[in-house]
């Protein structure tokens, strides 16, 4: 059964790579390069899971996660941070913000598949 996946990343190549992997796993994917379109998609399409970069210009991934976790209609959606930042402090900040998982770029296919299986 395909799930709706929202990917929010200001790096087009990273977003496309993650989108390709999600599509290979049979999921429907929407990609946004900034939080504005992502928020519209969240309210209009209600994705099953959100993958977001941690560090983005404007509204950061942390801010987006906070927005999702404080909206009563969205808070059930798992958020997974995808970042090149593999420092413990960044991972801790992501988990404290309410993320369900934290993947380090470049994302490993098996790690992605495991995260999707576990969260969906």
C-alpha atoms as a PDB file:
ATOM      1  CA  UNK A   1       0.000   0.000   0.000  1.00  0.00           C
ATOM      2  CA  UNK A   2       1.602   3.298  -1.012  1.00  0.00           C
ATOM      3  CA  UNK A   3       1.960   5.995   1.593  1.00  0.00           C
ATOM      4  CA  UNK A   4       2.122   9.745   0.998  1.00  0.00           C
ATOM      5  CA  UNK A   5       5.636  11.011   1.709  1.00  0.00           C
ATOM      6  CA  UNK A   6       6.529  14.691   2.031  1.00  0.00           C
ATOM      7  CA  UNK A   7      10.195  15.609   1.567  1.00  0.00           C
ATOM      8  CA  UNK A   8      11.290  19.123   2.545  1.00  0.00           C
ATOM      9  CA  UNK A   9      14.861  19.957   1.576  1.00  0.00           C
ATOM     10  CA  UNK A  10      16.443  23.066   0.070  1.00  0.00           C
ATOM     11  CA  UNK A  11      19.095  20.908  -1.646  1.00  0.00           C
ATOM     12  CA  UNK A  12      17.445  19.652  -4.874  1.00  0.00           C
ATOM     13  CA  UNK A  13      19.870  16.758  -5.438  1.00  0.00           C
ATOM     14  CA  UNK A  14      19.432  15.423  -1.921  1.00  0.00           C
ATOM     15  CA  UNK A  15      15.644  15.749  -2.170  1.00  0.00           C
ATOM     16  CA  UNK A  16      15.591  13.991  -5.548  1.00  0.00           C
ATOM     17  CA  UNK A  17      17.747  11.126  -4.273  1.00  0.00           C
ATOM     18  CA  UNK A  18      15.481  10.585  -1.274  1.00  0.00           C
ATOM     19  CA  UNK A  19      12.389  10.867  -3.473  1.00  0.00           C
ATOM     20  CA  UNK A  20      13.745   8.225  -5.878  1.00  0.00           C
ATOM     21  CA  UNK A  21      14.348   5.803  -3.013  1.00  0.00           C
ATOM     22  CA  UNK A  22      10.852   6.367  -1.590  1.00  0.00           C
ATOM     23  CA  UNK A  23       9.335   5.810  -5.039  1.00  0.00           C
ATOM     24  CA  UNK A  24      11.340   2.577  -5.435  1.00  0.00           C
ATOM     25  CA  UNK A  25       9.690   1.449  -2.207  1.00  0.00           C
ATOM     26  CA  UNK A  26       6.302   2.143  -3.793  1.00  0.00           C
ATOM     27  CA  UNK A  27       5.327   5.396  -2.094  1.00  0.00           C
ATOM     28  CA  UNK A  28       3.770   8.586  -3.472  1.00  0.00           C
ATOM     29  CA  UNK A  29       6.172  11.491  -3.014  1.00  0.00           C
ATOM     30  CA  UNK A  30       5.823  15.270  -2.882  1.00  0.00           C
ATOM     31  CA  UNK A  31       8.970  17.423  -2.679  1.00  0.00           C
ATOM     32  CA  UNK A  32       9.107  20.984  -1.358  1.00  0.00           C
ATOM     33  CA  UNK A  33      12.254  23.085  -1.287  1.00  0.00           C
ATOM     34  CA  UNK A  34      10.958  25.368   1.451  1.00  0.00           C
ATOM     35  CA  UNK A  35       8.503  25.242   4.310  1.00  0.00           C
ATOM     36  CA  UNK A  36       5.719  27.397   2.768  1.00  0.00           C
ATOM     37  CA  UNK A  37       4.681  24.846   0.128  1.00  0.00           C
ATOM     38  CA  UNK A  38       5.284  22.080   2.664  1.00  0.00           C
ATOM     39  CA  UNK A  39       2.799  23.595   5.120  1.00  0.00           C
ATOM     40  CA  UNK A  40       0.180  23.912   2.356  1.00  0.00           C
ATOM     41  CA  UNK A  41       0.725  20.266   1.407  1.00  0.00           C
ATOM     42  CA  UNK A  42       0.469  19.219   5.055  1.00  0.00           C
ATOM     43  CA  UNK A  43      -2.977  20.759   5.359  1.00  0.00           C
ATOM     44  CA  UNK A  44      -4.284  19.822   1.919  1.00  0.00           C
ATOM     45  CA  UNK A  45      -2.970  16.275   1.476  1.00  0.00           C
ATOM     46  CA  UNK A  46      -2.101  15.074   4.997  1.00  0.00           C
ATOM     47  CA  UNK A  47       1.012  13.020   4.273  1.00  0.00           C
ATOM     48  CA  UNK A  48       1.714   9.842   6.198  1.00  0.00           C
ATOM     49  CA  UNK A  49       5.292  10.866   6.973  1.00  0.00           C
ATOM     50  CA  UNK A  50       7.531  13.942   6.612  1.00  0.00           C
ATOM     51  CA  UNK A  51      11.255  13.919   5.890  1.00  0.00           C
ATOM     52  CA  UNK A  52      12.844  17.316   6.427  1.00  0.00           C
ATOM     53  CA  UNK A  53      16.328  18.726   6.303  1.00  0.00           C
ATOM     54  CA  UNK A  54      17.403  20.116   9.656  1.00  0.00           C
ATOM     55  CA  UNK A  55      19.116  23.261   8.395  1.00  0.00           C
ATOM     56  CA  UNK A  56      17.213  25.295   5.801  1.00  0.00           C
ATOM     57  CA  UNK A  57      16.967  29.019   5.148  1.00  0.00           C
ATOM     58  CA  UNK A  58      13.851  30.707   6.481  1.00  0.00           C
ATOM     59  CA  UNK A  59      11.838  28.211   8.467  1.00  0.00           C
ATOM     60  CA  UNK A  60      14.212  25.491   9.633  1.00  0.00           C
ATOM     61  CA  UNK A  61      13.397  21.815   9.876  1.00  0.00           C
ATOM     62  CA  UNK A  62      13.243  22.235  13.661  1.00  0.00           C
ATOM     63  CA  UNK A  63      10.629  24.964  13.246  1.00  0.00           C
ATOM     64  CA  UNK A  64       8.651  22.847  10.795  1.00  0.00           C
ATOM     65  CA  UNK A  65       8.706  19.883  13.176  1.00  0.00           C
ATOM     66  CA  UNK A  66       7.562  22.130  16.018  1.00  0.00           C
ATOM     67  CA  UNK A  67       4.723  23.442  13.832  1.00  0.00           C
ATOM     68  CA  UNK A  68       3.593  19.896  12.988  1.00  0.00           C
ATOM     69  CA  UNK A  69       3.807  18.635  16.568  1.00  0.00           C
ATOM     70  CA  UNK A  70       1.749  21.570  17.906  1.00  0.00           C
ATOM     71  CA  UNK A  71      -1.047  21.362  15.327  1.00  0.00           C
ATOM     72  CA  UNK A  72      -3.804  19.047  16.585  1.00  0.00           C
ATOM     73  CA  UNK A  73      -4.612  17.903  13.032  1.00  0.00           C
ATOM     74  CA  UNK A  74      -1.006  17.128  12.116  1.00  0.00           C
ATOM     75  CA  UNK A  75       0.736  16.038  15.312  1.00  0.00           C
ATOM     76  CA  UNK A  76       0.239  12.330  14.576  1.00  0.00           C
ATOM     77  CA  UNK A  77       2.423  12.569  11.445  1.00  0.00           C
ATOM     78  CA  UNK A  78       5.920  11.198  12.068  1.00  0.00           C
ATOM     79  CA  UNK A  79       8.745  13.609  11.242  1.00  0.00           C
ATOM     80  CA  UNK A  80      12.178  12.316  10.281  1.00  0.00           C
ATOM     81  CA  UNK A  81      15.142  14.664  10.059  1.00  0.00           C
ATOM     82  CA  UNK A  82      17.542  14.109   7.176  1.00  0.00           C
ATOM     83  CA  UNK A  83      20.756  16.063   7.569  1.00  0.00           C
ATOM     84  CA  UNK A  84      24.422  16.052   6.687  1.00  0.00           C
ATOM     85  CA  UNK A  85      25.015  17.123  10.298  1.00  0.00           C
ATOM     86  CA  UNK A  86      25.957  13.947  12.158  1.00  0.00           C
ATOM     87  CA  UNK A  87      26.877  15.678  15.406  1.00  0.00           C
ATOM     88  CA  UNK A  88      25.235  14.350  18.567  1.00  0.00           C
ATOM     89  CA  UNK A  89      23.974  17.840  19.441  1.00  0.00           C
ATOM     90  CA  UNK A  90      22.060  18.126  16.159  1.00  0.00           C
ATOM     91  CA  UNK A  91      20.577  14.659  16.546  1.00  0.00           C
ATOM     92  CA  UNK A  92      19.571  15.442  20.117  1.00  0.00           C
ATOM     93  CA  UNK A  93      17.944  18.728  19.057  1.00  0.00           C
ATOM     94  CA  UNK A  94      15.969  16.882  16.398  1.00  0.00           C
ATOM     95  CA  UNK A  95      14.725  14.256  18.782  1.00  0.00           C
ATOM     96  CA  UNK A  96      13.869  16.893  21.399  1.00  0.00           C
ATOM     97  CA  UNK A  97      11.796  18.712  18.755  1.00  0.00           C
ATOM     98  CA  UNK A  98       9.642  15.611  18.417  1.00  0.00           C
ATOM     99  CA  UNK A  99      11.234  13.792  15.499  1.00  0.00           C
ATOM    100  CA  UNK A 100      10.609  10.068  15.188  1.00  0.00           C
ATOM    101  CA  UNK A 101      14.029   9.439  13.665  1.00  0.00           C
ATOM    102  CA  UNK A 102      17.174  11.121  12.322  1.00  0.00           C
ATOM    103  CA  UNK A 103      18.943   9.971   9.161  1.00  0.00           C
ATOM    104  CA  UNK A 104      22.341  11.226   8.049  1.00  0.00           C
ATOM    105  CA  UNK A 105      22.955  12.247   4.420  1.00  0.00           C
ATOM    106  CA  UNK A 106      23.634  10.601   2.131  1.00  0.00           C
ATOM    107  CA  UNK A 107      20.744   8.398   3.187  1.00  0.00           C
ATOM    108  CA  UNK A 108      21.359   4.675   3.028  1.00  0.00           C
ATOM    109  CA  UNK A 109      18.558   2.776   1.241  1.00  0.00           C
ATOM    110  CA  UNK A 110      18.343   0.077   3.917  1.00  0.00           C
ATOM    111  CA  UNK A 111      18.169   2.669   6.702  1.00  0.00           C
ATOM    112  CA  UNK A 112      15.381   4.479   4.851  1.00  0.00           C
ATOM    113  CA  UNK A 113      13.471   1.251   4.277  1.00  0.00           C
ATOM    114  CA  UNK A 114      13.840   0.348   7.966  1.00  0.00           C
ATOM    115  CA  UNK A 115      12.617   3.772   9.084  1.00  0.00           C
ATOM    116  CA  UNK A 116       9.604   3.630   6.775  1.00  0.00           C
ATOM    117  CA  UNK A 117       8.740   0.090   7.873  1.00  0.00           C
ATOM    118  CA  UNK A 118       9.020   0.992  11.532  1.00  0.00           C
ATOM    119  CA  UNK A 119       7.059   4.247  11.366  1.00  0.00           C
ATOM    120  CA  UNK A 120       4.369   3.288   8.855  1.00  0.00           C
END
